């Protein structure tokens, strides 16, 4: 089942290009790995700090093991979760984060800041 945050992100990203929403961390890692191996990597990855079936730090670590810091990873977090944001930056090499509730303006500003352009 796709989370509410996943649906919001997918709706906002329609004007920027194609997006995929995974139901949990394990599915996200597998999709990321396959895209990387097929030489069709993602332009950006959004990871909700609250993911089922896999700790978000473990998911971020596995992404970094696959591609070694080349793909921007934006963590989506609740405002009252600063500990996980700090861990994502220092332990997992997250690129940035957006605080829930996600707005179109915040999402677009972050994508522009990272140099991800609409297709």
C-alpha atoms as a PDB file:
ATOM      1  CA  UNK A   1       0.000   0.000   0.000  1.00  0.00           C
ATOM      2  CA  UNK A   2       1.423   3.381  -1.009  1.00  0.00           C
ATOM      3  CA  UNK A   3       1.700   5.887   1.823  1.00  0.00           C
ATOM      4  CA  UNK A   4      -0.007   9.272   1.796  1.00  0.00           C
ATOM      5  CA  UNK A   5       3.401  10.941   1.514  1.00  0.00           C
ATOM      6  CA  UNK A   6       4.205   8.742  -1.495  1.00  0.00           C
ATOM      7  CA  UNK A   7       1.000   9.780  -3.231  1.00  0.00           C
ATOM      8  CA  UNK A   8       1.615  13.465  -2.526  1.00  0.00           C
ATOM      9  CA  UNK A   9       5.174  13.274  -3.854  1.00  0.00           C
ATOM     10  CA  UNK A  10       4.067  11.413  -6.961  1.00  0.00           C
ATOM     11  CA  UNK A  11       1.366  14.003  -7.674  1.00  0.00           C
ATOM     12  CA  UNK A  12       3.804  16.891  -7.207  1.00  0.00           C
ATOM     13  CA  UNK A  13       6.485  15.249  -9.354  1.00  0.00           C
ATOM     14  CA  UNK A  14       4.251  14.653 -12.387  1.00  0.00           C
ATOM     15  CA  UNK A  15       5.331  17.979 -13.897  1.00  0.00           C
ATOM     16  CA  UNK A  16       9.003  17.099 -13.372  1.00  0.00           C
ATOM     17  CA  UNK A  17       9.044  13.693 -15.058  1.00  0.00           C
ATOM     18  CA  UNK A  18       8.436  10.052 -14.316  1.00  0.00           C
ATOM     19  CA  UNK A  19       8.359   8.840 -10.738  1.00  0.00           C
ATOM     20  CA  UNK A  20       8.000   5.512  -8.989  1.00  0.00           C
ATOM     21  CA  UNK A  21       6.639   4.915  -5.506  1.00  0.00           C
ATOM     22  CA  UNK A  22       7.710   1.866  -3.541  1.00  0.00           C
ATOM     23  CA  UNK A  23       5.702   0.437  -0.671  1.00  0.00           C
ATOM     24  CA  UNK A  24       8.645  -0.249   1.647  1.00  0.00           C
ATOM     25  CA  UNK A  25      12.384   0.071   2.073  1.00  0.00           C
ATOM     26  CA  UNK A  26      13.253  -3.354   0.694  1.00  0.00           C
ATOM     27  CA  UNK A  27      11.300  -2.727  -2.517  1.00  0.00           C
ATOM     28  CA  UNK A  28      12.940   0.702  -2.831  1.00  0.00           C
ATOM     29  CA  UNK A  29      16.444  -0.760  -2.527  1.00  0.00           C
ATOM     30  CA  UNK A  30      15.706  -3.432  -5.136  1.00  0.00           C
ATOM     31  CA  UNK A  31      14.275  -0.875  -7.597  1.00  0.00           C
ATOM     32  CA  UNK A  32      17.261   1.419  -7.016  1.00  0.00           C
ATOM     33  CA  UNK A  33      19.742  -1.423  -7.545  1.00  0.00           C
ATOM     34  CA  UNK A  34      18.064  -2.569 -10.769  1.00  0.00           C
ATOM     35  CA  UNK A  35      17.951   0.963 -12.183  1.00  0.00           C
ATOM     36  CA  UNK A  36      21.620   1.435 -11.318  1.00  0.00           C
ATOM     37  CA  UNK A  37      22.684  -1.879 -12.886  1.00  0.00           C
ATOM     38  CA  UNK A  38      20.696  -1.128 -16.047  1.00  0.00           C
ATOM     39  CA  UNK A  39      22.556   2.202 -16.404  1.00  0.00           C
ATOM     40  CA  UNK A  40      19.281   4.088 -15.930  1.00  0.00           C
ATOM     41  CA  UNK A  41      19.777   5.520 -12.428  1.00  0.00           C
ATOM     42  CA  UNK A  42      17.280   7.710 -10.627  1.00  0.00           C
ATOM     43  CA  UNK A  43      17.857  11.470 -10.717  1.00  0.00           C
ATOM     44  CA  UNK A  44      16.799  11.792  -7.082  1.00  0.00           C
ATOM     45  CA  UNK A  45      15.544   9.514  -4.297  1.00  0.00           C
ATOM     46  CA  UNK A  46      13.063  10.481  -1.588  1.00  0.00           C
ATOM     47  CA  UNK A  47      13.096   8.364   1.562  1.00  0.00           C
ATOM     48  CA  UNK A  48      10.412   8.761   4.165  1.00  0.00           C
ATOM     49  CA  UNK A  49      12.001   8.457   7.581  1.00  0.00           C
ATOM     50  CA  UNK A  50       9.052   6.233   8.581  1.00  0.00           C
ATOM     51  CA  UNK A  51       9.342   3.293   6.156  1.00  0.00           C
ATOM     52  CA  UNK A  52       7.922  -0.183   6.699  1.00  0.00           C
ATOM     53  CA  UNK A  53      10.052  -3.369   6.624  1.00  0.00           C
ATOM     54  CA  UNK A  54      13.419  -1.600   6.734  1.00  0.00           C
ATOM     55  CA  UNK A  55      15.013   0.989   8.948  1.00  0.00           C
ATOM     56  CA  UNK A  56      15.471   4.229   7.005  1.00  0.00           C
ATOM     57  CA  UNK A  57      19.132   4.456   7.971  1.00  0.00           C
ATOM     58  CA  UNK A  58      19.703   0.925   6.667  1.00  0.00           C
ATOM     59  CA  UNK A  59      17.979   1.807   3.386  1.00  0.00           C
ATOM     60  CA  UNK A  60      20.091   4.925   2.949  1.00  0.00           C
ATOM     61  CA  UNK A  61      23.253   2.993   3.778  1.00  0.00           C
ATOM     62  CA  UNK A  62      22.429   0.344   1.156  1.00  0.00           C
ATOM     63  CA  UNK A  63      21.757   3.008  -1.482  1.00  0.00           C
ATOM     64  CA  UNK A  64      25.147   4.564  -0.733  1.00  0.00           C
ATOM     65  CA  UNK A  65      26.827   1.159  -0.966  1.00  0.00           C
ATOM     66  CA  UNK A  66      25.380   0.708  -4.457  1.00  0.00           C
ATOM     67  CA  UNK A  67      26.294   4.103  -5.891  1.00  0.00           C
ATOM     68  CA  UNK A  68      28.739   5.849  -3.544  1.00  0.00           C
ATOM     69  CA  UNK A  69      27.151   9.293  -3.023  1.00  0.00           C
ATOM     70  CA  UNK A  70      26.201  10.109  -6.611  1.00  0.00           C
ATOM     71  CA  UNK A  71      22.399  10.308  -6.325  1.00  0.00           C
ATOM     72  CA  UNK A  72      20.769  13.063  -4.271  1.00  0.00           C
ATOM     73  CA  UNK A  73      18.765  11.479  -1.437  1.00  0.00           C
ATOM     74  CA  UNK A  74      16.152  13.674   0.208  1.00  0.00           C
ATOM     75  CA  UNK A  75      14.784  12.472   3.528  1.00  0.00           C
ATOM     76  CA  UNK A  76      11.140  13.237   4.317  1.00  0.00           C
ATOM     77  CA  UNK A  77      10.646  13.731   8.048  1.00  0.00           C
ATOM     78  CA  UNK A  78       8.258  14.916  10.707  1.00  0.00           C
ATOM     79  CA  UNK A  79       9.253  18.168  12.390  1.00  0.00           C
ATOM     80  CA  UNK A  80       9.596  16.496  15.778  1.00  0.00           C
ATOM     81  CA  UNK A  81      12.195  14.015  14.501  1.00  0.00           C
ATOM     82  CA  UNK A  82      15.531  15.942  14.543  1.00  0.00           C
ATOM     83  CA  UNK A  83      17.516  12.934  15.820  1.00  0.00           C
ATOM     84  CA  UNK A  84      16.797  10.941  12.650  1.00  0.00           C
ATOM     85  CA  UNK A  85      17.597  13.909  10.414  1.00  0.00           C
ATOM     86  CA  UNK A  86      21.002  14.309  12.060  1.00  0.00           C
ATOM     87  CA  UNK A  87      21.655  10.569  11.740  1.00  0.00           C
ATOM     88  CA  UNK A  88      20.634  10.646   8.073  1.00  0.00           C
ATOM     89  CA  UNK A  89      23.149  13.413   7.364  1.00  0.00           C
ATOM     90  CA  UNK A  90      26.106  12.190   9.349  1.00  0.00           C
ATOM     91  CA  UNK A  91      25.743   8.420   9.188  1.00  0.00           C
ATOM     92  CA  UNK A  92      23.950   7.916   5.899  1.00  0.00           C
ATOM     93  CA  UNK A  93      25.101  10.827   3.767  1.00  0.00           C
ATOM     94  CA  UNK A  94      21.623  12.131   2.983  1.00  0.00           C
ATOM     95  CA  UNK A  95      21.740  15.136   0.684  1.00  0.00           C
ATOM     96  CA  UNK A  96      18.927  17.098   2.325  1.00  0.00           C
ATOM     97  CA  UNK A  97      15.536  16.795   3.968  1.00  0.00           C
ATOM     98  CA  UNK A  98      12.002  18.156   3.718  1.00  0.00           C
ATOM     99  CA  UNK A  99       9.723  18.433   6.734  1.00  0.00           C
ATOM    100  CA  UNK A 100       6.162  17.069   6.590  1.00  0.00           C
ATOM    101  CA  UNK A 101       3.655  18.132   5.501  1.00  0.00           C
ATOM    102  CA  UNK A 102       5.359  18.300   2.120  1.00  0.00           C
ATOM    103  CA  UNK A 103       4.343  21.234  -0.059  1.00  0.00           C
ATOM    104  CA  UNK A 104       4.811  21.606  -3.785  1.00  0.00           C
ATOM    105  CA  UNK A 105       6.825  24.782  -3.188  1.00  0.00           C
ATOM    106  CA  UNK A 106       9.236  23.122  -0.752  1.00  0.00           C
ATOM    107  CA  UNK A 107       9.679  20.142  -3.053  1.00  0.00           C
ATOM    108  CA  UNK A 108      10.335  22.265  -6.134  1.00  0.00           C
ATOM    109  CA  UNK A 109      12.721  24.565  -4.255  1.00  0.00           C
ATOM    110  CA  UNK A 110      14.743  21.566  -3.074  1.00  0.00           C
ATOM    111  CA  UNK A 111      14.888  20.045  -6.563  1.00  0.00           C
ATOM    112  CA  UNK A 112      16.044  23.354  -8.059  1.00  0.00           C
ATOM    113  CA  UNK A 113      18.661  23.748  -5.298  1.00  0.00           C
ATOM    114  CA  UNK A 114      20.010  20.276  -6.126  1.00  0.00           C
ATOM    115  CA  UNK A 115      20.078  20.971  -9.860  1.00  0.00           C
ATOM    116  CA  UNK A 116      17.404  18.416 -10.725  1.00  0.00           C
ATOM    117  CA  UNK A 117      15.561  19.893 -13.692  1.00  0.00           C
ATOM    118  CA  UNK A 118      12.134  18.986 -15.074  1.00  0.00           C
ATOM    119  CA  UNK A 119      12.079  16.664 -18.089  1.00  0.00           C
END
